[in-house]
Amino acid sequence: MLQPILATLREKYDGKANILFVPVREEQDLGARSSMRSIRHLFFDKDGKEVERHTGFMPQEQLEQKLRELGVK
């Protein structure tokens, strides 16, 4: 359900934001460092500092709203 949304956001925000998916079952070290065990959305500012995290599914509209709040246009 999330993969098509992320693909759309990657295309729409190409060059403006990095939209990544981390498969935590395969990337266990990275998942452990970020305390990820389920669907999590981590938001970082332009300097790479984590500014917010959300647990659970977020629809595309909500993800885009969060990107706008962070200054991505």
PDB file of N, CA and C in Angstrom:
ATOM      1  N   MET A   1       0.814  -1.190   0.000  1.00  0.00           N
ATOM      2  CA  MET A   1       0.000   0.000   0.000  1.00  0.00           C
ATOM      3  C   MET A   1       0.870   1.272   0.000  1.00  0.00           C
ATOM      4  N   LEU A   2       1.978   1.218   0.691  1.00  0.00           N
ATOM      5  CA  LEU A   2       2.825   2.403   0.820  1.00  0.00           C
ATOM      6  C   LEU A   2       3.777   2.580  -0.368  1.00  0.00           C
ATOM      7  N   GLN A   3       4.214   1.493  -0.963  1.00  0.00           N
ATOM      8  CA  GLN A   3       5.198   1.585  -2.050  1.00  0.00           C
ATOM      9  C   GLN A   3       4.747   2.472  -3.213  1.00  0.00           C
ATOM     10  N   PRO A   4       3.507   2.361  -3.722  1.00  0.00           N
ATOM     11  CA  PRO A   4       3.096   3.242  -4.821  1.00  0.00           C
ATOM     12  C   PRO A   4       3.084   4.714  -4.407  1.00  0.00           C
ATOM     13  N   ILE A   5       2.717   4.988  -3.163  1.00  0.00           N
ATOM     14  CA  ILE A   5       2.711   6.362  -2.665  1.00  0.00           C
ATOM     15  C   ILE A   5       4.139   6.911  -2.647  1.00  0.00           C
ATOM     16  N   LEU A   6       5.071   6.118  -2.139  1.00  0.00           N
ATOM     17  CA  LEU A   6       6.460   6.560  -2.087  1.00  0.00           C
ATOM     18  C   LEU A   6       7.022   6.777  -3.485  1.00  0.00           C
ATOM     19  N   ALA A   7       6.668   5.909  -4.426  1.00  0.00           N
ATOM     20  CA  ALA A   7       7.126   6.078  -5.806  1.00  0.00           C
ATOM     21  C   ALA A   7       6.612   7.396  -6.387  1.00  0.00           C
ATOM     22  N   THR A   8       5.360   7.712  -6.135  1.00  0.00           N
ATOM     23  CA  THR A   8       4.779   8.973  -6.612  1.00  0.00           C
ATOM     24  C   THR A   8       5.479  10.172  -5.976  1.00  0.00           C
ATOM     25  N   LEU A   9       5.713  10.098  -4.677  1.00  0.00           N
ATOM     26  CA  LEU A   9       6.380  11.205  -3.978  1.00  0.00           C
ATOM     27  C   LEU A   9       7.818  11.370  -4.442  1.00  0.00           C
ATOM     28  N   ARG A  10       8.527  10.259  -4.697  1.00  0.00           N
ATOM     29  CA  ARG A  10       9.900  10.344  -5.209  1.00  0.00           C
ATOM     30  C   ARG A  10       9.940  11.115  -6.519  1.00  0.00           C
ATOM     31  N   GLU A  11       9.004  10.808  -7.392  1.00  0.00           N
ATOM     32  CA  GLU A  11       8.948  11.472  -8.692  1.00  0.00           C
ATOM     33  C   GLU A  11       8.548  12.944  -8.542  1.00  0.00           C
ATOM     34  N   LYS A  12       7.535  13.208  -7.746  1.00  0.00           N
ATOM     35  CA  LYS A  12       7.018  14.561  -7.582  1.00  0.00           C
ATOM     36  C   LYS A  12       8.034  15.492  -6.919  1.00  0.00           C
ATOM     37  N   TYR A  13       8.789  14.966  -5.963  1.00  0.00           N
ATOM     38  CA  TYR A  13       9.725  15.798  -5.201  1.00  0.00           C
ATOM     39  C   TYR A  13      11.180  15.542  -5.571  1.00  0.00           C
ATOM     40  N   ASP A  14      11.408  15.000  -6.758  1.00  0.00           N
ATOM     41  CA  ASP A  14      12.763  14.738  -7.226  1.00  0.00           C
ATOM     42  C   ASP A  14      13.590  16.025  -7.201  1.00  0.00           C
ATOM     43  N   GLY A  15      14.731  15.989  -6.554  1.00  0.00           N
ATOM     44  CA  GLY A  15      15.594  17.153  -6.444  1.00  0.00           C
ATOM     45  C   GLY A  15      15.213  18.097  -5.315  1.00  0.00           C
ATOM     46  N   LYS A  16      14.101  17.814  -4.647  1.00  0.00           N
ATOM     47  CA  LYS A  16      13.625  18.679  -3.566  1.00  0.00           C
ATOM     48  C   LYS A  16      13.652  17.969  -2.212  1.00  0.00           C
ATOM     49  N   ALA A  17      13.438  16.658  -2.223  1.00  0.00           N
ATOM     50  CA  ALA A  17      13.419  15.871  -0.988  1.00  0.00           C
ATOM     51  C   ALA A  17      13.840  14.448  -1.323  1.00  0.00           C
ATOM     52  N   ASN A  18      14.475  13.799  -0.385  1.00  0.00           N
ATOM     53  CA  ASN A  18      14.818  12.389  -0.533  1.00  0.00           C
ATOM     54  C   ASN A  18      13.722  11.568   0.124  1.00  0.00           C
ATOM     55  N   ILE A  19      13.067  10.753  -0.661  1.00  0.00           N
ATOM     56  CA  ILE A  19      12.004   9.880  -0.176  1.00  0.00           C
ATOM     57  C   ILE A  19      12.573   8.464  -0.205  1.00  0.00           C
ATOM     58  N   LEU A  20      12.760   7.870   0.963  1.00  0.00           N
ATOM     59  CA  LEU A  20      13.390   6.560   1.053  1.00  0.00           C
ATOM     60  C   LEU A  20      12.493   5.553   1.740  1.00  0.00           C
ATOM     61  N   PHE A  21      12.688   4.302   1.398  1.00  0.00           N
ATOM     62  CA  PHE A  21      12.033   3.193   2.075  1.00  0.00           C
ATOM     63  C   PHE A  21      13.133   2.287   2.607  1.00  0.00           C
ATOM     64  N   VAL A  22      13.082   1.963   3.873  1.00  0.00           N
ATOM     65  CA  VAL A  22      14.062   1.065   4.474  1.00  0.00           C
ATOM     66  C   VAL A  22      13.345  -0.217   4.888  1.00  0.00           C
ATOM     67  N   PRO A  23      13.671  -1.326   4.245  1.00  0.00           N
ATOM     68  CA  PRO A  23      13.070  -2.602   4.645  1.00  0.00           C
ATOM     69  C   PRO A  23      13.762  -3.100   5.921  1.00  0.00           C
ATOM     70  N   VAL A  24      13.158  -2.840   7.074  1.00  0.00           N
ATOM     71  CA  VAL A  24      13.828  -3.111   8.344  1.00  0.00           C
ATOM     72  C   VAL A  24      14.097  -4.590   8.586  1.00  0.00           C
ATOM     73  N   ARG A  25      13.358  -5.461   7.955  1.00  0.00           N
ATOM     74  CA  ARG A  25      13.661  -6.893   8.104  1.00  0.00           C
ATOM     75  C   ARG A  25      14.991  -7.225   7.459  1.00  0.00           C
ATOM     76  N   GLU A  26      15.325  -6.520   6.378  1.00  0.00           N
ATOM     77  CA  GLU A  26      16.586  -6.752   5.681  1.00  0.00           C
ATOM     78  C   GLU A  26      17.707  -5.863   6.215  1.00  0.00           C
ATOM     79  N   GLU A  27      17.377  -4.700   6.678  1.00  0.00           N
ATOM     80  CA  GLU A  27      18.351  -3.736   7.202  1.00  0.00           C
ATOM     81  C   GLU A  27      18.187  -3.627   8.715  1.00  0.00           C
ATOM     82  N   GLN A  28      18.428  -4.723   9.405  1.00  0.00           N
ATOM     83  CA  GLN A  28      18.165  -4.788  10.836  1.00  0.00           C
ATOM     84  C   GLN A  28      19.009  -3.805  11.642  1.00  0.00           C
ATOM     85  N   ASP A  29      20.256  -3.593  11.253  1.00  0.00           N
ATOM     86  CA  ASP A  29      21.102  -2.640  11.986  1.00  0.00           C
ATOM     87  C   ASP A  29      20.533  -1.231  11.897  1.00  0.00           C
ATOM     88  N   LEU A  30      20.147  -0.817  10.707  1.00  0.00           N
ATOM     89  CA  LEU A  30      19.577   0.521  10.527  1.00  0.00           C
ATOM     90  C   LEU A  30      18.244   0.637  11.253  1.00  0.00           C
ATOM     91  N   GLY A  31      17.437  -0.381  11.176  1.00  0.00           N
ATOM     92  CA  GLY A  31      16.156  -0.385  11.883  1.00  0.00           C
ATOM     93  C   GLY A  31      16.355  -0.273  13.383  1.00  0.00           C
ATOM     94  N   ALA A  32      17.337  -0.976  13.918  1.00  0.00           N
ATOM     95  CA  ALA A  32      17.595  -0.936  15.362  1.00  0.00           C
ATOM     96  C   ALA A  32      18.079   0.449  15.789  1.00  0.00           C
ATOM     97  N   ARG A  33      18.924   1.084  14.974  1.00  0.00           N
ATOM     98  CA  ARG A  33      19.422   2.421  15.320  1.00  0.00           C
ATOM     99  C   ARG A  33      18.308   3.452  15.345  1.00  0.00           C
ATOM    100  N   SER A  34      17.274   3.233  14.547  1.00  0.00           N
ATOM    101  CA  SER A  34      16.154   4.172  14.481  1.00  0.00           C
ATOM    102  C   SER A  34      14.953   3.687  15.292  1.00  0.00           C
ATOM    103  N   SER A  35      15.114   2.585  16.013  1.00  0.00           N
ATOM    104  CA  SER A  35      14.032   1.985  16.807  1.00  0.00           C
ATOM    105  C   SER A  35      12.805   1.671  15.958  1.00  0.00           C
ATOM    106  N   MET A  36      13.017   1.178  14.753  1.00  0.00           N
ATOM    107  CA  MET A  36      11.902   0.872  13.855  1.00  0.00           C
ATOM    108  C   MET A  36      11.576  -0.611  13.916  1.00  0.00           C
ATOM    109  N   ARG A  37      10.324  -0.911  14.212  1.00  0.00           N
ATOM    110  CA  ARG A  37       9.838  -2.282  14.197  1.00  0.00           C
ATOM    111  C   ARG A  37       8.564  -2.400  13.367  1.00  0.00           C
ATOM    112  N   SER A  38       7.991  -1.275  13.020  1.00  0.00           N
ATOM    113  CA  SER A  38       6.769  -1.257  12.219  1.00  0.00           C
ATOM    114  C   SER A  38       6.891  -0.082  11.250  1.00  0.00           C
ATOM    115  N   ILE A  39       5.813   0.223  10.556  1.00  0.00           N
ATOM    116  CA  ILE A  39       5.848   1.342   9.619  1.00  0.00           C
ATOM    117  C   ILE A  39       6.088   2.623  10.405  1.00  0.00           C
ATOM    118  N   ARG A  40       7.147   3.282  10.069  1.00  0.00           N
ATOM    119  CA  ARG A  40       7.464   4.571  10.683  1.00  0.00           C
ATOM    120  C   ARG A  40       7.842   5.541   9.583  1.00  0.00           C
ATOM    121  N   HIS A  41       7.414   6.740   9.765  1.00  0.00           N
ATOM    122  CA  HIS A  41       7.803   7.812   8.862  1.00  0.00           C
ATOM    123  C   HIS A  41       8.719   8.720   9.666  1.00  0.00           C
ATOM    124  N   LEU A  42       9.957   8.846   9.211  1.00  0.00           N
ATOM    125  CA  LEU A  42      10.902   9.730   9.869  1.00  0.00           C
ATOM    126  C   LEU A  42      11.108  10.934   8.966  1.00  0.00           C
ATOM    127  N   PHE A  43      11.060  12.104   9.541  1.00  0.00           N
ATOM    128  CA  PHE A  43      11.238  13.330   8.787  1.00  0.00           C
ATOM    129  C   PHE A  43      12.499  14.027   9.280  1.00  0.00           C
ATOM    130  N   PHE A  44      13.367  14.384   8.341  1.00  0.00           N
ATOM    131  CA  PHE A  44      14.622  15.046   8.659  1.00  0.00           C
ATOM    132  C   PHE A  44      14.641  16.415   7.994  1.00  0.00           C
ATOM    133  N   ASP A  45      15.319  17.357   8.628  1.00  0.00           N
ATOM    134  CA  ASP A  45      15.462  18.667   7.994  1.00  0.00           C
ATOM    135  C   ASP A  45      16.597  18.613   6.978  1.00  0.00           C
ATOM    136  N   LYS A  46      16.875  19.734   6.336  1.00  0.00           N
ATOM    137  CA  LYS A  46      17.887  19.758   5.268  1.00  0.00           C
ATOM    138  C   LYS A  46      19.289  19.448   5.776  1.00  0.00           C
ATOM    139  N   ASP A  47      19.497  19.561   7.092  1.00  0.00           N
ATOM    140  CA  ASP A  47      20.804  19.264   7.679  1.00  0.00           C
ATOM    141  C   ASP A  47      20.917  17.828   8.173  1.00  0.00           C
ATOM    142  N   GLY A  48      19.869  17.042   7.984  1.00  0.00           N
ATOM    143  CA  GLY A  48      19.885  15.644   8.383  1.00  0.00           C
ATOM    144  C   GLY A  48      19.465  15.385   9.820  1.00  0.00           C
ATOM    145  N   LYS A  49      18.946  16.399  10.491  1.00  0.00           N
ATOM    146  CA  LYS A  49      18.485  16.241  11.871  1.00  0.00           C
ATOM    147  C   LYS A  49      17.034  15.754  11.861  1.00  0.00           C
ATOM    148  N   GLU A  50      16.758  14.707  12.634  1.00  0.00           N
ATOM    149  CA  GLU A  50      15.388  14.208  12.719  1.00  0.00           C
ATOM    150  C   GLU A  50      14.516  15.269  13.391  1.00  0.00           C
ATOM    151  N   VAL A  51      13.401  15.608  12.738  1.00  0.00           N
ATOM    152  CA  VAL A  51      12.511  16.628  13.289  1.00  0.00           C
ATOM    153  C   VAL A  51      11.170  16.055  13.722  1.00  0.00           C
ATOM    154  N   GLU A  52      10.824  14.880  13.213  1.00  0.00           N
ATOM    155  CA  GLU A  52       9.551  14.274  13.598  1.00  0.00           C
ATOM    156  C   GLU A  52       9.527  12.821  13.162  1.00  0.00           C
ATOM    157  N   ARG A  53       8.727  12.034  13.878  1.00  0.00           N
ATOM    158  CA  ARG A  53       8.481  10.651  13.462  1.00  0.00           C
ATOM    159  C   ARG A  53       7.020  10.314  13.712  1.00  0.00           C
ATOM    160  N   HIS A  54       6.510   9.452  12.873  1.00  0.00           N
ATOM    161  CA  HIS A  54       5.113   9.045  12.956  1.00  0.00           C
ATOM    162  C   HIS A  54       5.071   7.529  12.810  1.00  0.00           C
ATOM    163  N   THR A  55       4.362   6.869  13.695  1.00  0.00           N
ATOM    164  CA  THR A  55       4.201   5.416  13.617  1.00  0.00           C
ATOM    165  C   THR A  55       2.860   5.100  12.984  1.00  0.00           C
ATOM    166  N   GLY A  56       2.878   4.207  12.023  1.00  0.00           N
ATOM    167  CA  GLY A  56       1.658   3.800  11.338  1.00  0.00           C
ATOM    168  C   GLY A  56       1.568   4.408   9.951  1.00  0.00           C
ATOM    169  N   PHE A  57       0.623   3.934   9.206  1.00  0.00           N
ATOM    170  CA  PHE A  57       0.432   4.377   7.827  1.00  0.00           C
ATOM    171  C   PHE A  57       0.018   5.844   7.770  1.00  0.00           C
ATOM    172  N   MET A  58       0.556   6.571   6.786  1.00  0.00           N
ATOM    173  CA  MET A  58       0.128   7.944   6.496  1.00  0.00           C
ATOM    174  C   MET A  58      -0.283   7.991   5.030  1.00  0.00           C
ATOM    175  N   PRO A  59      -1.467   8.486   4.728  1.00  0.00           N
ATOM    176  CA  PRO A  59      -1.869   8.613   3.322  1.00  0.00           C
ATOM    177  C   PRO A  59      -1.023   9.681   2.621  1.00  0.00           C
ATOM    178  N   GLN A  60      -1.031   9.636   1.312  1.00  0.00           N
ATOM    179  CA  GLN A  60      -0.214  10.550   0.511  1.00  0.00           C
ATOM    180  C   GLN A  60      -0.470  12.011   0.859  1.00  0.00           C
ATOM    181  N   GLU A  61      -1.719  12.386   1.013  1.00  0.00           N
ATOM    182  CA  GLU A  61      -2.056  13.783   1.300  1.00  0.00           C
ATOM    183  C   GLU A  61      -1.410  14.241   2.610  1.00  0.00           C
ATOM    184  N   GLN A  62      -1.417  13.375   3.590  1.00  0.00           N
ATOM    185  CA  GLN A  62      -0.835  13.715   4.887  1.00  0.00           C
ATOM    186  C   GLN A  62       0.693  13.813   4.791  1.00  0.00           C
ATOM    187  N   LEU A  63       1.308  12.921   4.023  1.00  0.00           N
ATOM    188  CA  LEU A  63       2.751  12.989   3.816  1.00  0.00           C
ATOM    189  C   LEU A  63       3.139  14.282   3.098  1.00  0.00           C
ATOM    190  N   GLU A  64       2.363  14.651   2.090  1.00  0.00           N
ATOM    191  CA  GLU A  64       2.655  15.888   1.361  1.00  0.00           C
ATOM    192  C   GLU A  64       2.464  17.112   2.250  1.00  0.00           C
ATOM    193  N   GLN A  65       1.469  17.082   3.117  1.00  0.00           N
ATOM    194  CA  GLN A  65       1.264  18.194   4.048  1.00  0.00           C
ATOM    195  C   GLN A  65       2.474  18.337   4.968  1.00  0.00           C
ATOM    196  N   LYS A  66       2.990  17.230   5.451  1.00  0.00           N
ATOM    197  CA  LYS A  66       4.164  17.257   6.327  1.00  0.00           C
ATOM    198  C   LYS A  66       5.373  17.808   5.576  1.00  0.00           C
ATOM    199  N   LEU A  67       5.542  17.416   4.325  1.00  0.00           N
ATOM    200  CA  LEU A  67       6.649  17.951   3.521  1.00  0.00           C
ATOM    201  C   LEU A  67       6.515  19.459   3.353  1.00  0.00           C
ATOM    202  N   ARG A  68       5.311  19.933   3.111  1.00  0.00           N
ATOM    203  CA  ARG A  68       5.084  21.396   2.989  1.00  0.00           C
ATOM    204  C   ARG A  68       5.423  22.099   4.293  1.00  0.00           C
ATOM    205  N   GLU A  69       5.021  21.505   5.417  1.00  0.00           N
ATOM    206  CA  GLU A  69       5.324  22.096   6.724  1.00  0.00           C
ATOM    207  C   GLU A  69       6.829  22.209   6.948  1.00  0.00           C
ATOM    208  N   LEU A  70       7.583  21.287   6.346  1.00  0.00           N
ATOM    209  CA  LEU A  70       9.041  21.301   6.474  1.00  0.00           C
ATOM    210  C   LEU A  70       9.697  22.180   5.423  1.00  0.00           C
ATOM    211  N   GLY A  71       8.882  22.839   4.607  1.00  0.00           N
ATOM    212  CA  GLY A  71       9.428  23.788   3.632  1.00  0.00           C
ATOM    213  C   GLY A  71       9.700  23.221   2.257  1.00  0.00           C
ATOM    214  N   VAL A  72       9.279  21.995   1.988  1.00  0.00           N
ATOM    215  CA  VAL A  72       9.477  21.386   0.665  1.00  0.00           C
ATOM    216  C   VAL A  72       8.328  21.837  -0.227  1.00  0.00           C
ATOM    217  N   LYS A  73       8.665  22.366  -1.384  1.00  0.00           N
ATOM    218  CA  LYS A  73       7.638  22.848  -2.322  1.00  0.00           C
ATOM    219  C   LYS A  73       7.723  22.135  -3.647  1.00  0.00           C
TER     220      LYS A  73
END
